[in-house]
Amino acid sequence: MANILGIEFAPLSIPMYRRIQTLCALQWVLLFLFGGFGCLFLSIYLLFTKYYWIVLIYLVWYAYDRNTPELGGNAIKSIRHSRLWKYMRDYYPAELHKTEDLDPTKSYIFGLHPHGIMQASGFLSFATEATGFSQKFPGLVPHLVILAGQFQFPFYREYILTGGKTYSNT
């Protein structure tokens, strides 16, 4: 290991593929921890610059689109299928095991255990296609239910809606 100023860095022999996996997992953690408040503070800052109009236009959009989180989000296929999530899947590693064929005309609730604040396997399985949900359960459309408060942060809300994330009022 390389030791610079008392900090131990990863050895140079770690393959690039593993470094990319780590970077993808790190971006997800940082976005989870700082994305909401970072976007909120950026929005407040923009209000006091010549770009204030971006926030005003966004607020009109927010008012118009306020019910979308309850309706299943705005899933974007290219984001759900991004290679980034496959690298993150391999970092942990996360898997989705199919034990039963499911009727696509019915609705289902999938429970995860253990669960927690940062549910990586749930995110990878239901908000992305990293674990191959659509291939394993054709005809079913997954939605990851998260806390309603996550949808109150400007701009960050739009990002989390791209995975088809939603929340329940019940």
C-alpha atoms as a PDB file:
ATOM      1  CA  MET A   1       0.000   0.000   0.000  1.00  0.00           C
ATOM      2  CA  ALA A   2       1.076   3.536  -0.700  1.00  0.00           C
ATOM      3  CA  ASN A   3       1.471   5.684   2.401  1.00  0.00           C
ATOM      4  CA  ILE A   4       1.462   9.455   1.917  1.00  0.00           C
ATOM      5  CA  LEU A   5       1.336  11.786   4.926  1.00  0.00           C
ATOM      6  CA  GLY A   6       0.097   8.922   7.082  1.00  0.00           C
ATOM      7  CA  ILE A   7      -2.807   8.080   4.738  1.00  0.00           C
ATOM      8  CA  GLU A   8      -2.842   4.577   3.331  1.00  0.00           C
ATOM      9  CA  PHE A   9      -4.011   4.446  -0.281  1.00  0.00           C
ATOM     10  CA  ALA A  10      -5.166   1.383  -2.194  1.00  0.00           C
ATOM     11  CA  PRO A  11      -2.357  -0.557  -3.825  1.00  0.00           C
ATOM     12  CA  LEU A  12      -1.674   0.149  -7.485  1.00  0.00           C
ATOM     13  CA  SER A  13      -2.276  -3.526  -8.233  1.00  0.00           C
ATOM     14  CA  ILE A  14      -6.065  -3.181  -7.758  1.00  0.00           C
ATOM     15  CA  PRO A  15      -7.604  -3.685 -11.217  1.00  0.00           C
ATOM     16  CA  MET A  16      -9.266  -0.757 -12.986  1.00  0.00           C
ATOM     17  CA  TYR A  17     -12.602  -2.615 -13.094  1.00  0.00           C
ATOM     18  CA  ARG A  18     -12.660  -2.747  -9.271  1.00  0.00           C
ATOM     19  CA  ARG A  19     -11.759   0.942  -9.055  1.00  0.00           C
ATOM     20  CA  ILE A  20     -14.682   1.791 -11.365  1.00  0.00           C
ATOM     21  CA  GLN A  21     -17.023  -0.319  -9.198  1.00  0.00           C
ATOM     22  CA  THR A  22     -15.879   1.593  -6.125  1.00  0.00           C
ATOM     23  CA  LEU A  23     -16.352   4.940  -7.863  1.00  0.00           C
ATOM     24  CA  CYS A  24     -19.914   4.004  -8.910  1.00  0.00           C
ATOM     25  CA  ALA A  25     -20.829   2.941  -5.378  1.00  0.00           C
ATOM     26  CA  LEU A  26     -19.224   6.114  -3.992  1.00  0.00           C
ATOM     27  CA  GLN A  27     -21.229   8.393  -6.293  1.00  0.00           C
ATOM     28  CA  TRP A  28     -24.452   6.739  -5.119  1.00  0.00           C
ATOM     29  CA  VAL A  29     -23.538   7.165  -1.458  1.00  0.00           C
ATOM     30  CA  LEU A  30     -22.528  10.811  -1.960  1.00  0.00           C
ATOM     31  CA  LEU A  31     -25.692  11.554  -3.925  1.00  0.00           C
ATOM     32  CA  PHE A  32     -27.784   9.949  -1.201  1.00  0.00           C
ATOM     33  CA  LEU A  33     -26.034  11.883   1.563  1.00  0.00           C
ATOM     34  CA  PHE A  34     -25.646  15.278  -0.100  1.00  0.00           C
ATOM     35  CA  GLY A  35     -27.845  15.343  -3.217  1.00  0.00           C
ATOM     36  CA  GLY A  36     -31.047  16.664  -1.661  1.00  0.00           C
ATOM     37  CA  PHE A  37     -29.569  19.440   0.444  1.00  0.00           C
ATOM     38  CA  GLY A  38     -26.970  20.207  -2.207  1.00  0.00           C
ATOM     39  CA  CYS A  39     -29.710  20.823  -4.775  1.00  0.00           C
ATOM     40  CA  LEU A  40     -31.708  22.850  -2.249  1.00  0.00           C
ATOM     41  CA  PHE A  41     -28.742  25.098  -1.438  1.00  0.00           C
ATOM     42  CA  LEU A  42     -27.920  25.450  -5.146  1.00  0.00           C
ATOM     43  CA  SER A  43     -31.520  26.527  -5.823  1.00  0.00           C
ATOM     44  CA  ILE A  44     -31.401  29.136  -3.060  1.00  0.00           C
ATOM     45  CA  TYR A  45     -28.058  30.407  -4.351  1.00  0.00           C
ATOM     46  CA  LEU A  46     -29.401  30.670  -7.912  1.00  0.00           C
ATOM     47  CA  LEU A  47     -32.264  32.854  -6.673  1.00  0.00           C
ATOM     48  CA  PHE A  48     -29.699  35.562  -5.889  1.00  0.00           C
ATOM     49  CA  THR A  49     -27.897  35.408  -9.229  1.00  0.00           C
ATOM     50  CA  LYS A  50     -28.788  36.307 -12.801  1.00  0.00           C
ATOM     51  CA  TYR A  51     -29.972  32.689 -13.171  1.00  0.00           C
ATOM     52  CA  TYR A  52     -32.908  33.145 -10.771  1.00  0.00           C
ATOM     53  CA  TRP A  53     -35.272  32.432 -13.671  1.00  0.00           C
ATOM     54  CA  ILE A  54     -34.180  28.752 -13.721  1.00  0.00           C
ATOM     55  CA  VAL A  55     -35.535  28.265 -10.210  1.00  0.00           C
ATOM     56  CA  LEU A  56     -38.735  30.164 -11.023  1.00  0.00           C
ATOM     57  CA  ILE A  57     -39.387  28.014 -14.092  1.00  0.00           C
ATOM     58  CA  TYR A  58     -38.644  24.930 -12.021  1.00  0.00           C
ATOM     59  CA  LEU A  59     -41.150  26.015  -9.343  1.00  0.00           C
ATOM     60  CA  VAL A  60     -43.855  26.281 -12.019  1.00  0.00           C
ATOM     61  CA  TRP A  61     -42.918  22.779 -13.193  1.00  0.00           C
ATOM     62  CA  TYR A  62     -42.902  21.502  -9.601  1.00  0.00           C
ATOM     63  CA  ALA A  63     -46.436  22.832  -9.015  1.00  0.00           C
ATOM     64  CA  TYR A  64     -47.653  21.294 -12.279  1.00  0.00           C
ATOM     65  CA  ASP A  65     -45.937  17.939 -11.676  1.00  0.00           C
ATOM     66  CA  ARG A  66     -46.536  17.657  -7.919  1.00  0.00           C
ATOM     67  CA  ASN A  67     -48.505  14.371  -8.078  1.00  0.00           C
ATOM     68  CA  THR A  68     -45.973  12.407 -10.141  1.00  0.00           C
ATOM     69  CA  PRO A  69     -44.234  10.753  -7.151  1.00  0.00           C
ATOM     70  CA  GLU A  70     -47.560   9.193  -6.129  1.00  0.00           C
ATOM     71  CA  LEU A  71     -48.127   7.921  -9.676  1.00  0.00           C
ATOM     72  CA  GLY A  72     -44.894   6.001 -10.196  1.00  0.00           C
ATOM     73  CA  GLY A  73     -42.286   8.538 -11.213  1.00  0.00           C
ATOM     74  CA  ASN A  74     -40.885   9.417 -14.634  1.00  0.00           C
ATOM     75  CA  ALA A  75     -38.754   6.377 -15.356  1.00  0.00           C
ATOM     76  CA  ILE A  76     -36.174   6.975 -18.075  1.00  0.00           C
ATOM     77  CA  LYS A  77     -35.017   3.773 -19.731  1.00  0.00           C
ATOM     78  CA  SER A  78     -31.438   4.919 -20.399  1.00  0.00           C
ATOM     79  CA  ILE A  79     -30.955   5.848 -16.726  1.00  0.00           C
ATOM     80  CA  ARG A  80     -32.557   2.632 -15.418  1.00  0.00           C
ATOM     81  CA  HIS A  81     -30.325   0.572 -17.757  1.00  0.00           C
ATOM     82  CA  SER A  82     -27.122   2.559 -17.201  1.00  0.00           C
ATOM     83  CA  ARG A  83     -23.848   0.647 -16.974  1.00  0.00           C
ATOM     84  CA  LEU A  84     -23.160   2.645 -13.810  1.00  0.00           C
ATOM     85  CA  TRP A  85     -25.682   0.523 -11.879  1.00  0.00           C
ATOM     86  CA  LYS A  86     -24.156  -2.733 -13.161  1.00  0.00           C
ATOM     87  CA  TYR A  87     -20.773  -1.660 -11.821  1.00  0.00           C
ATOM     88  CA  MET A  88     -22.408  -0.825  -8.505  1.00  0.00           C
ATOM     89  CA  ARG A  89     -24.197  -4.198  -8.499  1.00  0.00           C
ATOM     90  CA  ASP A  90     -20.858  -5.953  -8.964  1.00  0.00           C
ATOM     91  CA  TYR A  91     -19.247  -3.889  -6.200  1.00  0.00           C
ATOM     92  CA  TYR A  92     -21.551  -5.205  -3.465  1.00  0.00           C
ATOM     93  CA  PRO A  93     -22.424  -7.824  -5.130  1.00  0.00           C
ATOM     94  CA  ALA A  94     -26.224  -7.669  -5.343  1.00  0.00           C
ATOM     95  CA  GLU A  95     -28.431 -10.347  -6.885  1.00  0.00           C
ATOM     96  CA  LEU A  96     -32.128 -10.853  -7.534  1.00  0.00           C
ATOM     97  CA  HIS A  97     -33.269 -14.462  -7.202  1.00  0.00           C
ATOM     98  CA  LYS A  98     -36.492 -15.575  -8.860  1.00  0.00           C
ATOM     99  CA  THR A  99     -38.258 -18.420  -7.053  1.00  0.00           C
ATOM    100  CA  GLU A 100     -41.705 -18.206  -8.640  1.00  0.00           C
ATOM    101  CA  ASP A 101     -43.344 -17.086 -11.885  1.00  0.00           C
ATOM    102  CA  LEU A 102     -45.665 -14.151 -11.257  1.00  0.00           C
ATOM    103  CA  ASP A 103     -48.833 -13.231 -13.144  1.00  0.00           C
ATOM    104  CA  PRO A 104     -48.168  -9.828 -14.794  1.00  0.00           C
ATOM    105  CA  THR A 105     -51.874  -8.911 -14.594  1.00  0.00           C
ATOM    106  CA  LYS A 106     -51.697  -8.733 -10.792  1.00  0.00           C
ATOM    107  CA  SER A 107     -49.962  -6.343  -8.406  1.00  0.00           C
ATOM    108  CA  TYR A 108     -47.324  -7.468  -5.927  1.00  0.00           C
ATOM    109  CA  ILE A 109     -45.429  -6.062  -2.977  1.00  0.00           C
ATOM    110  CA  PHE A 110     -41.834  -7.247  -2.629  1.00  0.00           C
ATOM    111  CA  GLY A 111     -40.332  -7.078   0.835  1.00  0.00           C
ATOM    112  CA  LEU A 112     -36.611  -6.723   1.482  1.00  0.00           C
ATOM    113  CA  HIS A 113     -34.652  -7.828   4.499  1.00  0.00           C
ATOM    114  CA  PRO A 114     -32.435  -6.565   5.885  1.00  0.00           C
ATOM    115  CA  HIS A 115     -33.540  -3.083   5.025  1.00  0.00           C
ATOM    116  CA  GLY A 116     -32.290   0.263   6.156  1.00  0.00           C
ATOM    117  CA  ILE A 117     -31.786   3.857   5.217  1.00  0.00           C
ATOM    118  CA  MET A 118     -29.593   3.134   2.201  1.00  0.00           C
ATOM    119  CA  GLN A 119     -31.129   0.005   0.724  1.00  0.00           C
ATOM    120  CA  ALA A 120     -28.640  -0.719  -2.064  1.00  0.00           C
ATOM    121  CA  SER A 121     -30.094  -4.086  -3.112  1.00  0.00           C
ATOM    122  CA  GLY A 122     -33.634  -2.660  -3.254  1.00  0.00           C
ATOM    123  CA  PHE A 123     -32.418   0.315  -5.270  1.00  0.00           C
ATOM    124  CA  LEU A 124     -30.480  -1.874  -7.698  1.00  0.00           C
ATOM    125  CA  SER A 125     -33.342  -4.371  -8.070  1.00  0.00           C
ATOM    126  CA  PHE A 126     -36.358  -2.074  -8.366  1.00  0.00           C
ATOM    127  CA  ALA A 127     -35.128   1.396  -9.390  1.00  0.00           C
ATOM    128  CA  THR A 128     -32.639   0.115 -11.976  1.00  0.00           C
ATOM    129  CA  GLU A 129     -32.251  -2.881 -14.252  1.00  0.00           C
ATOM    130  CA  ALA A 130     -28.875  -3.866 -12.756  1.00  0.00           C
ATOM    131  CA  THR A 131     -30.208  -7.204 -11.465  1.00  0.00           C
ATOM    132  CA  GLY A 132     -32.369  -7.927 -14.521  1.00  0.00           C
ATOM    133  CA  PHE A 133     -35.832  -7.450 -12.986  1.00  0.00           C
ATOM    134  CA  SER A 134     -37.613  -7.007 -16.343  1.00  0.00           C
ATOM    135  CA  GLN A 135     -36.070 -10.174 -17.769  1.00  0.00           C
ATOM    136  CA  LYS A 136     -36.929 -12.227 -14.689  1.00  0.00           C
ATOM    137  CA  PHE A 137     -40.446 -10.810 -14.288  1.00  0.00           C
ATOM    138  CA  PRO A 138     -41.655  -9.797 -17.763  1.00  0.00           C
ATOM    139  CA  GLY A 139     -44.716  -7.556 -17.761  1.00  0.00           C
ATOM    140  CA  LEU A 140     -44.230  -6.303 -14.193  1.00  0.00           C
ATOM    141  CA  VAL A 141     -43.221  -2.669 -13.685  1.00  0.00           C
ATOM    142  CA  PRO A 142     -41.245  -2.162 -10.453  1.00  0.00           C
ATOM    143  CA  HIS A 143     -41.416   0.951  -8.299  1.00  0.00           C
ATOM    144  CA  LEU A 144     -39.202   1.526  -5.287  1.00  0.00           C
ATOM    145  CA  VAL A 145     -41.168   3.212  -2.504  1.00  0.00           C
ATOM    146  CA  ILE A 146     -39.109   5.737  -0.550  1.00  0.00           C
ATOM    147  CA  LEU A 147     -39.828   8.424   2.032  1.00  0.00           C
ATOM    148  CA  ALA A 148     -42.048  11.258   0.789  1.00  0.00           C
ATOM    149  CA  GLY A 149     -39.586  13.843   2.147  1.00  0.00           C
ATOM    150  CA  GLN A 150     -37.059  12.877  -0.514  1.00  0.00           C
ATOM    151  CA  PHE A 151     -39.370  14.424  -3.117  1.00  0.00           C
ATOM    152  CA  GLN A 152     -39.354  17.861  -1.469  1.00  0.00           C
ATOM    153  CA  PHE A 153     -35.837  18.785  -2.623  1.00  0.00           C
ATOM    154  CA  PRO A 154     -35.810  20.776  -5.878  1.00  0.00           C
ATOM    155  CA  PHE A 155     -34.008  19.200  -8.851  1.00  0.00           C
ATOM    156  CA  TYR A 156     -32.987  16.189  -6.727  1.00  0.00           C
ATOM    157  CA  ARG A 157     -36.649  15.166  -6.938  1.00  0.00           C
ATOM    158  CA  GLU A 158     -36.394  14.939 -10.727  1.00  0.00           C
ATOM    159  CA  TYR A 159     -33.329  12.736 -10.497  1.00  0.00           C
ATOM    160  CA  ILE A 160     -34.930  10.228  -8.151  1.00  0.00           C
ATOM    161  CA  LEU A 161     -38.104  10.148 -10.256  1.00  0.00           C
ATOM    162  CA  THR A 162     -36.069   8.959 -13.269  1.00  0.00           C
ATOM    163  CA  GLY A 163     -35.724   5.543 -11.637  1.00  0.00           C
ATOM    164  CA  GLY A 164     -39.484   5.203 -11.246  1.00  0.00           C
ATOM    165  CA  LYS A 165     -39.281   5.814  -7.512  1.00  0.00           C
ATOM    166  CA  THR A 166     -42.498   6.661  -5.762  1.00  0.00           C
ATOM    167  CA  TYR A 167     -43.968   7.094  -2.317  1.00  0.00           C
ATOM    168  CA  SER A 168     -47.152   6.114  -0.616  1.00  0.00           C
ATOM    169  CA  ASN A 169     -49.410   8.417   1.361  1.00  0.00           C
ATOM    170  CA  THR A 170     -50.784   5.484   3.345  1.00  0.00           C
END
